[in-house]
Amino acid sequence: TDKLVGSGTVREQHAREYAADAFSAK
């Protein structure tokens, strides 16, 4: 939430979504 939307590479942005999904599951 401290990052600008769209910042980072596509791989990095996708990694954030995967990480948030895993965080929710946990």
PDB file of all heavy atoms in Angstrom:
ATOM      1  N   THR A   1       0.822  -1.208   0.000  1.00  0.00           N
ATOM      2  CA  THR A   1       0.000   0.000   0.000  1.00  0.00           C
ATOM      3  C   THR A   1       0.857   1.260   0.000  1.00  0.00           C
ATOM      4  O   THR A   1       0.354   2.355  -0.226  1.00  0.00           O
ATOM      5  CB  THR A   1      -0.936   0.025   1.226  1.00  0.00           C
ATOM      6  OG1 THR A   1      -0.171  -0.210   2.414  1.00  0.00           O
ATOM      7  CG2 THR A   1      -2.015  -1.036   1.106  1.00  0.00           C
ATOM      8  N   ASP A   2       2.161   1.103   0.267  1.00  0.00           N
ATOM      9  CA  ASP A   2       3.071   2.250   0.230  1.00  0.00           C
ATOM     10  C   ASP A   2       3.670   2.459  -1.156  1.00  0.00           C
ATOM     11  O   ASP A   2       4.390   3.432  -1.381  1.00  0.00           O
ATOM     12  CB  ASP A   2       4.220   2.050   1.233  1.00  0.00           C
ATOM     13  CG  ASP A   2       3.711   1.903   2.659  1.00  0.00           C
ATOM     14  OD1 ASP A   2       2.704   2.560   2.989  1.00  0.00           O
ATOM     15  OD2 ASP A   2       4.314   1.134   3.432  1.00  0.00           O
ATOM     16  N   LYS A   3       3.367   1.548  -2.074  1.00  0.00           N
ATOM     17  CA  LYS A   3       3.914   1.630  -3.418  1.00  0.00           C
ATOM     18  C   LYS A   3       2.892   2.211  -4.379  1.00  0.00           C
ATOM     19  O   LYS A   3       1.685   2.054  -4.197  1.00  0.00           O
ATOM     20  CB  LYS A   3       4.343   0.243  -3.923  1.00  0.00           C
ATOM     21  CG  LYS A   3       5.416  -0.440  -3.084  1.00  0.00           C
ATOM     22  CD  LYS A   3       5.754  -1.794  -3.674  1.00  0.00           C
ATOM     23  CE  LYS A   3       6.893  -2.467  -2.919  1.00  0.00           C
ATOM     24  NZ  LYS A   3       6.484  -2.943  -1.590  1.00  0.00           N
ATOM     25  N   LEU A   4       3.350   2.872  -5.410  1.00  0.00           N
ATOM     26  CA  LEU A   4       2.462   3.370  -6.446  1.00  0.00           C
ATOM     27  C   LEU A   4       1.891   2.195  -7.225  1.00  0.00           C
ATOM     28  O   LEU A   4       2.571   1.209  -7.478  1.00  0.00           O
ATOM     29  CB  LEU A   4       3.214   4.301  -7.407  1.00  0.00           C
ATOM     30  CG  LEU A   4       3.655   5.666  -6.854  1.00  0.00           C
ATOM     31  CD1 LEU A   4       4.517   6.374  -7.889  1.00  0.00           C
ATOM     32  CD2 LEU A   4       2.441   6.513  -6.512  1.00  0.00           C
ATOM     33  N   VAL A   5       0.625   2.302  -7.598  1.00  0.00           N
ATOM     34  CA  VAL A   5       0.015   1.261  -8.421  1.00  0.00           C
ATOM     35  C   VAL A   5       0.765   1.148  -9.733  1.00  0.00           C
ATOM     36  O   VAL A   5       1.048   2.140 -10.396  1.00  0.00           O
ATOM     37  CB  VAL A   5      -1.461   1.594  -8.703  1.00  0.00           C
ATOM     38  CG1 VAL A   5      -2.057   0.564  -9.644  1.00  0.00           C
ATOM     39  CG2 VAL A   5      -2.249   1.666  -7.420  1.00  0.00           C
ATOM     40  N   GLY A   6       1.153  -0.073 -10.088  1.00  0.00           N
ATOM     41  CA  GLY A   6       1.871  -0.279 -11.333  1.00  0.00           C
ATOM     42  C   GLY A   6       3.379  -0.179 -11.202  1.00  0.00           C
ATOM     43  O   GLY A   6       4.100  -0.326 -12.191  1.00  0.00           O
ATOM     44  N   SER A   7       3.862   0.065  -9.976  1.00  0.00           N
ATOM     45  CA  SER A   7       5.317   0.167  -9.805  1.00  0.00           C
ATOM     46  C   SER A   7       5.941  -1.223  -9.798  1.00  0.00           C
ATOM     47  O   SER A   7       5.326  -2.200  -9.373  1.00  0.00           O
ATOM     48  CB  SER A   7       5.654   0.892  -8.498  1.00  0.00           C
ATOM     49  OG  SER A   7       5.197   0.143  -7.383  1.00  0.00           O
ATOM     50  N   GLY A   8       7.173  -1.309 -10.269  1.00  0.00           N
ATOM     51  CA  GLY A   8       7.860  -2.586 -10.332  1.00  0.00           C
ATOM     52  C   GLY A   8       7.606  -3.313 -11.634  1.00  0.00           C
ATOM     53  O   GLY A   8       6.767  -2.910 -12.442  1.00  0.00           O
ATOM     54  N   THR A   9       8.329  -4.395 -11.835  1.00  0.00           N
ATOM     55  CA  THR A   9       8.149  -5.195 -13.046  1.00  0.00           C
ATOM     56  C   THR A   9       6.847  -5.974 -12.960  1.00  0.00           C
ATOM     57  O   THR A   9       6.234  -6.094 -11.889  1.00  0.00           O
ATOM     58  CB  THR A   9       9.311  -6.175 -13.219  1.00  0.00           C
ATOM     59  OG1 THR A   9       9.283  -7.133 -12.139  1.00  0.00           O
ATOM     60  CG2 THR A   9      10.662  -5.452 -13.208  1.00  0.00           C
ATOM     61  N   VAL A  10       6.414  -6.536 -14.075  1.00  0.00           N
ATOM     62  CA  VAL A  10       5.210  -7.361 -14.076  1.00  0.00           C
ATOM     63  C   VAL A  10       5.388  -8.546 -13.132  1.00  0.00           C
ATOM     64  O   VAL A  10       4.476  -8.896 -12.369  1.00  0.00           O
ATOM     65  CB  VAL A  10       4.887  -7.852 -15.503  1.00  0.00           C
ATOM     66  CG1 VAL A  10       3.760  -8.876 -15.478  1.00  0.00           C
ATOM     67  CG2 VAL A  10       4.519  -6.683 -16.403  1.00  0.00           C
ATOM     68  N   ARG A  11       6.565  -9.153 -13.157  1.00  0.00           N
ATOM     69  CA  ARG A  11       6.832 -10.287 -12.263  1.00  0.00           C
ATOM     70  C   ARG A  11       6.689  -9.877 -10.799  1.00  0.00           C
ATOM     71  O   ARG A  11       6.105 -10.607  -9.989  1.00  0.00           O
ATOM     72  CB  ARG A  11       8.246 -10.830 -12.518  1.00  0.00           C
ATOM     73  CG  ARG A  11       8.605 -12.048 -11.661  1.00  0.00           C
ATOM     74  CD  ARG A  11      10.058 -12.434 -11.883  1.00  0.00           C
ATOM     75  NE  ARG A  11      10.259 -12.926 -13.223  1.00  0.00           N
ATOM     76  CZ  ARG A  11      10.106 -14.197 -13.584  1.00  0.00           C
ATOM     77  NH1 ARG A  11       9.721 -15.101 -12.687  1.00  0.00           N
ATOM     78  NH2 ARG A  11      10.347 -14.578 -14.814  1.00  0.00           N
ATOM     79  N   GLU A  12       7.212  -8.689 -10.461  1.00  0.00           N
ATOM     80  CA  GLU A  12       7.122  -8.212  -9.078  1.00  0.00           C
ATOM     81  C   GLU A  12       5.675  -7.933  -8.682  1.00  0.00           C
ATOM     82  O   GLU A  12       5.257  -8.259  -7.568  1.00  0.00           O
ATOM     83  CB  GLU A  12       7.967  -6.944  -8.915  1.00  0.00           C
ATOM     84  CG  GLU A  12       9.463  -7.198  -8.965  1.00  0.00           C
ATOM     85  CD  GLU A  12      10.270  -5.921  -9.034  1.00  0.00           C
ATOM     86  OE1 GLU A  12       9.712  -4.863  -9.429  1.00  0.00           O
ATOM     87  OE2 GLU A  12      11.471  -5.967  -8.702  1.00  0.00           O
ATOM     88  N   GLN A  13       4.915  -7.346  -9.594  1.00  0.00           N
ATOM     89  CA  GLN A  13       3.516  -7.046  -9.286  1.00  0.00           C
ATOM     90  C   GLN A  13       2.696  -8.321  -9.119  1.00  0.00           C
ATOM     91  O   GLN A  13       1.852  -8.422  -8.224  1.00  0.00           O
ATOM     92  CB  GLN A  13       2.926  -6.170 -10.389  1.00  0.00           C
ATOM     93  CG  GLN A  13       3.534  -4.771 -10.430  1.00  0.00           C
ATOM     94  CD  GLN A  13       2.952  -3.933 -11.547  1.00  0.00           C
ATOM     95  OE1 GLN A  13       1.794  -3.535 -11.481  1.00  0.00           O
ATOM     96  NE2 GLN A  13       3.735  -3.661 -12.577  1.00  0.00           N
ATOM     97  N   HIS A  14       2.965  -9.308  -9.955  1.00  0.00           N
ATOM     98  CA  HIS A  14       2.259 -10.582  -9.816  1.00  0.00           C
ATOM     99  C   HIS A  14       2.652 -11.269  -8.505  1.00  0.00           C
ATOM    100  O   HIS A  14       1.801 -11.874  -7.839  1.00  0.00           O
ATOM    101  CB  HIS A  14       2.578 -11.484 -11.000  1.00  0.00           C
ATOM    102  CG  HIS A  14       1.900 -11.058 -12.264  1.00  0.00           C
ATOM    103  ND1 HIS A  14       1.842 -11.859 -13.394  1.00  0.00           N
ATOM    104  CD2 HIS A  14       1.238  -9.925 -12.598  1.00  0.00           C
ATOM    105  CE1 HIS A  14       1.188 -11.225 -14.349  1.00  0.00           C
ATOM    106  NE2 HIS A  14       0.817 -10.051 -13.892  1.00  0.00           N
ATOM    107  N   ALA A  15       3.923 -11.146  -8.140  1.00  0.00           N
ATOM    108  CA  ALA A  15       4.392 -11.759  -6.894  1.00  0.00           C
ATOM    109  C   ALA A  15       3.673 -11.161  -5.685  1.00  0.00           C
ATOM    110  O   ALA A  15       3.382 -11.863  -4.711  1.00  0.00           O
ATOM    111  CB  ALA A  15       5.900 -11.575  -6.755  1.00  0.00           C
ATOM    112  N   ARG A  16       3.371  -9.866  -5.742  1.00  0.00           N
ATOM    113  CA  ARG A  16       2.637  -9.224  -4.643  1.00  0.00           C
ATOM    114  C   ARG A  16       1.243  -9.837  -4.489  1.00  0.00           C
ATOM    115  O   ARG A  16       0.768 -10.052  -3.370  1.00  0.00           O
ATOM    116  CB  ARG A  16       2.504  -7.719  -4.909  1.00  0.00           C
ATOM    117  CG  ARG A  16       3.810  -6.942  -4.858  1.00  0.00           C
ATOM    118  CD  ARG A  16       3.565  -5.511  -5.318  1.00  0.00           C
ATOM    119  NE  ARG A  16       4.813  -4.848  -5.676  1.00  0.00           N
ATOM    120  CZ  ARG A  16       4.897  -3.753  -6.419  1.00  0.00           C
ATOM    121  NH1 ARG A  16       3.777  -3.194  -6.880  1.00  0.00           N
ATOM    122  NH2 ARG A  16       6.062  -3.220  -6.698  1.00  0.00           N
ATOM    123  N   GLU A  17       0.593 -10.118  -5.611  1.00  0.00           N
ATOM    124  CA  GLU A  17      -0.748 -10.701  -5.551  1.00  0.00           C
ATOM    125  C   GLU A  17      -0.703 -12.124  -5.006  1.00  0.00           C
ATOM    126  O   GLU A  17      -1.534 -12.508  -4.176  1.00  0.00           O
ATOM    127  CB  GLU A  17      -1.407 -10.680  -6.936  1.00  0.00           C
ATOM    128  CG  GLU A  17      -1.673  -9.291  -7.471  1.00  0.00           C
ATOM    129  CD  GLU A  17      -2.519  -8.463  -6.516  1.00  0.00           C
ATOM    130  OE1 GLU A  17      -3.520  -8.994  -5.977  1.00  0.00           O
ATOM    131  OE2 GLU A  17      -2.177  -7.288  -6.308  1.00  0.00           O
ATOM    132  N   TYR A  18       0.264 -12.910  -5.473  1.00  0.00           N
ATOM    133  CA  TYR A  18       0.404 -14.270  -4.948  1.00  0.00           C
ATOM    134  C   TYR A  18       0.673 -14.241  -3.439  1.00  0.00           C
ATOM    135  O   TYR A  18       0.122 -15.039  -2.676  1.00  0.00           O
ATOM    136  CB  TYR A  18       1.550 -15.000  -5.646  1.00  0.00           C
ATOM    137  CG  TYR A  18       1.296 -15.335  -7.099  1.00  0.00           C
ATOM    138  CD1 TYR A  18       2.280 -15.095  -8.064  1.00  0.00           C
ATOM    139  CD2 TYR A  18       0.103 -15.925  -7.510  1.00  0.00           C
ATOM    140  CE1 TYR A  18       2.078 -15.419  -9.400  1.00  0.00           C
ATOM    141  CE2 TYR A  18      -0.115 -16.246  -8.841  1.00  0.00           C
ATOM    142  CZ  TYR A  18       0.875 -15.995  -9.779  1.00  0.00           C
ATOM    143  OH  TYR A  18       0.663 -16.323 -11.105  1.00  0.00           O
ATOM    144  N   ALA A  19       1.530 -13.305  -3.007  1.00  0.00           N
ATOM    145  CA  ALA A  19       1.876 -13.207  -1.590  1.00  0.00           C
ATOM    146  C   ALA A  19       0.661 -12.794  -0.759  1.00  0.00           C
ATOM    147  O   ALA A  19       0.441 -13.314   0.338  1.00  0.00           O
ATOM    148  CB  ALA A  19       3.018 -12.207  -1.391  1.00  0.00           C
ATOM    149  N   ALA A  20      -0.138 -11.857  -1.278  1.00  0.00           N
ATOM    150  CA  ALA A  20      -1.338 -11.418  -0.554  1.00  0.00           C
ATOM    151  C   ALA A  20      -2.367 -12.544  -0.480  1.00  0.00           C
ATOM    152  O   ALA A  20      -3.061 -12.699   0.532  1.00  0.00           O
ATOM    153  CB  ALA A  20      -1.938 -10.185  -1.220  1.00  0.00           C
ATOM    154  N   ASP A  21      -2.468 -13.340  -1.538  1.00  0.00           N
ATOM    155  CA  ASP A  21      -3.367 -14.498  -1.517  1.00  0.00           C
ATOM    156  C   ASP A  21      -2.938 -15.492  -0.436  1.00  0.00           C
ATOM    157  O   ASP A  21      -3.767 -15.989   0.342  1.00  0.00           O
ATOM    158  CB  ASP A  21      -3.366 -15.205  -2.873  1.00  0.00           C
ATOM    159  CG  ASP A  21      -4.145 -14.456  -3.946  1.00  0.00           C
ATOM    160  OD1 ASP A  21      -4.898 -13.526  -3.600  1.00  0.00           O
ATOM    161  OD2 ASP A  21      -3.991 -14.810  -5.130  1.00  0.00           O
ATOM    162  N   ALA A  22      -1.650 -15.791  -0.379  1.00  0.00           N
ATOM    163  CA  ALA A  22      -1.137 -16.730   0.621  1.00  0.00           C
ATOM    164  C   ALA A  22      -1.317 -16.176   2.030  1.00  0.00           C
ATOM    165  O   ALA A  22      -1.627 -16.918   2.972  1.00  0.00           O
ATOM    166  CB  ALA A  22       0.338 -17.027   0.358  1.00  0.00           C
ATOM    167  N   PHE A  23      -1.149 -14.866   2.178  1.00  0.00           N
ATOM    168  CA  PHE A  23      -1.326 -14.214   3.472  1.00  0.00           C
ATOM    169  C   PHE A  23      -2.763 -14.386   3.948  1.00  0.00           C
ATOM    170  O   PHE A  23      -3.020 -14.718   5.108  1.00  0.00           O
ATOM    171  CB  PHE A  23      -0.983 -12.729   3.345  1.00  0.00           C
ATOM    172  CG  PHE A  23      -0.815 -12.019   4.665  1.00  0.00           C
ATOM    173  CD1 PHE A  23       0.430 -11.897   5.248  1.00  0.00           C
ATOM    174  CD2 PHE A  23      -1.902 -11.457   5.308  1.00  0.00           C
ATOM    175  CE1 PHE A  23       0.595 -11.236   6.463  1.00  0.00           C
ATOM    176  CE2 PHE A  23      -1.762 -10.800   6.517  1.00  0.00           C
ATOM    177  CZ  PHE A  23      -0.506 -10.686   7.091  1.00  0.00           C
ATOM    178  N   SER A  24      -3.714 -14.174   3.042  1.00  0.00           N
ATOM    179  CA  SER A  24      -5.124 -14.352   3.378  1.00  0.00           C
ATOM    180  C   SER A  24      -5.402 -15.789   3.808  1.00  0.00           C
ATOM    181  O   SER A  24      -6.076 -16.029   4.819  1.00  0.00           O
ATOM    182  CB  SER A  24      -6.010 -13.988   2.175  1.00  0.00           C
ATOM    183  OG  SER A  24      -7.359 -14.300   2.431  1.00  0.00           O
ATOM    184  N   ALA A  25      -4.888 -16.739   3.042  1.00  0.00           N
ATOM    185  CA  ALA A  25      -5.097 -18.146   3.372  1.00  0.00           C
ATOM    186  C   ALA A  25      -4.557 -18.471   4.764  1.00  0.00           C
ATOM    187  O   ALA A  25      -5.184 -19.220   5.531  1.00  0.00           O
ATOM    188  CB  ALA A  25      -4.430 -19.028   2.325  1.00  0.00           C
ATOM    189  N   LYS A  26      -3.424 -17.885   5.107  1.00  0.00           N
ATOM    190  CA  LYS A  26      -2.788 -18.169   6.391  1.00  0.00           C
ATOM    191  C   LYS A  26      -3.559 -17.570   7.557  1.00  0.00           C
ATOM    192  O   LYS A  26      -3.847 -18.260   8.540  1.00  0.00           O
ATOM    193  CB  LYS A  26      -1.355 -17.633   6.395  1.00  0.00           C
ATOM    194  CG  LYS A  26      -0.596 -17.913   7.679  1.00  0.00           C
ATOM    195  CD  LYS A  26       0.837 -17.411   7.595  1.00  0.00           C
ATOM    196  CE  LYS A  26       1.594 -17.689   8.897  1.00  0.00           C
ATOM    197  NZ  LYS A  26       3.000 -17.207   8.817  1.00  0.00           N
TER     198      LYS A  26
END
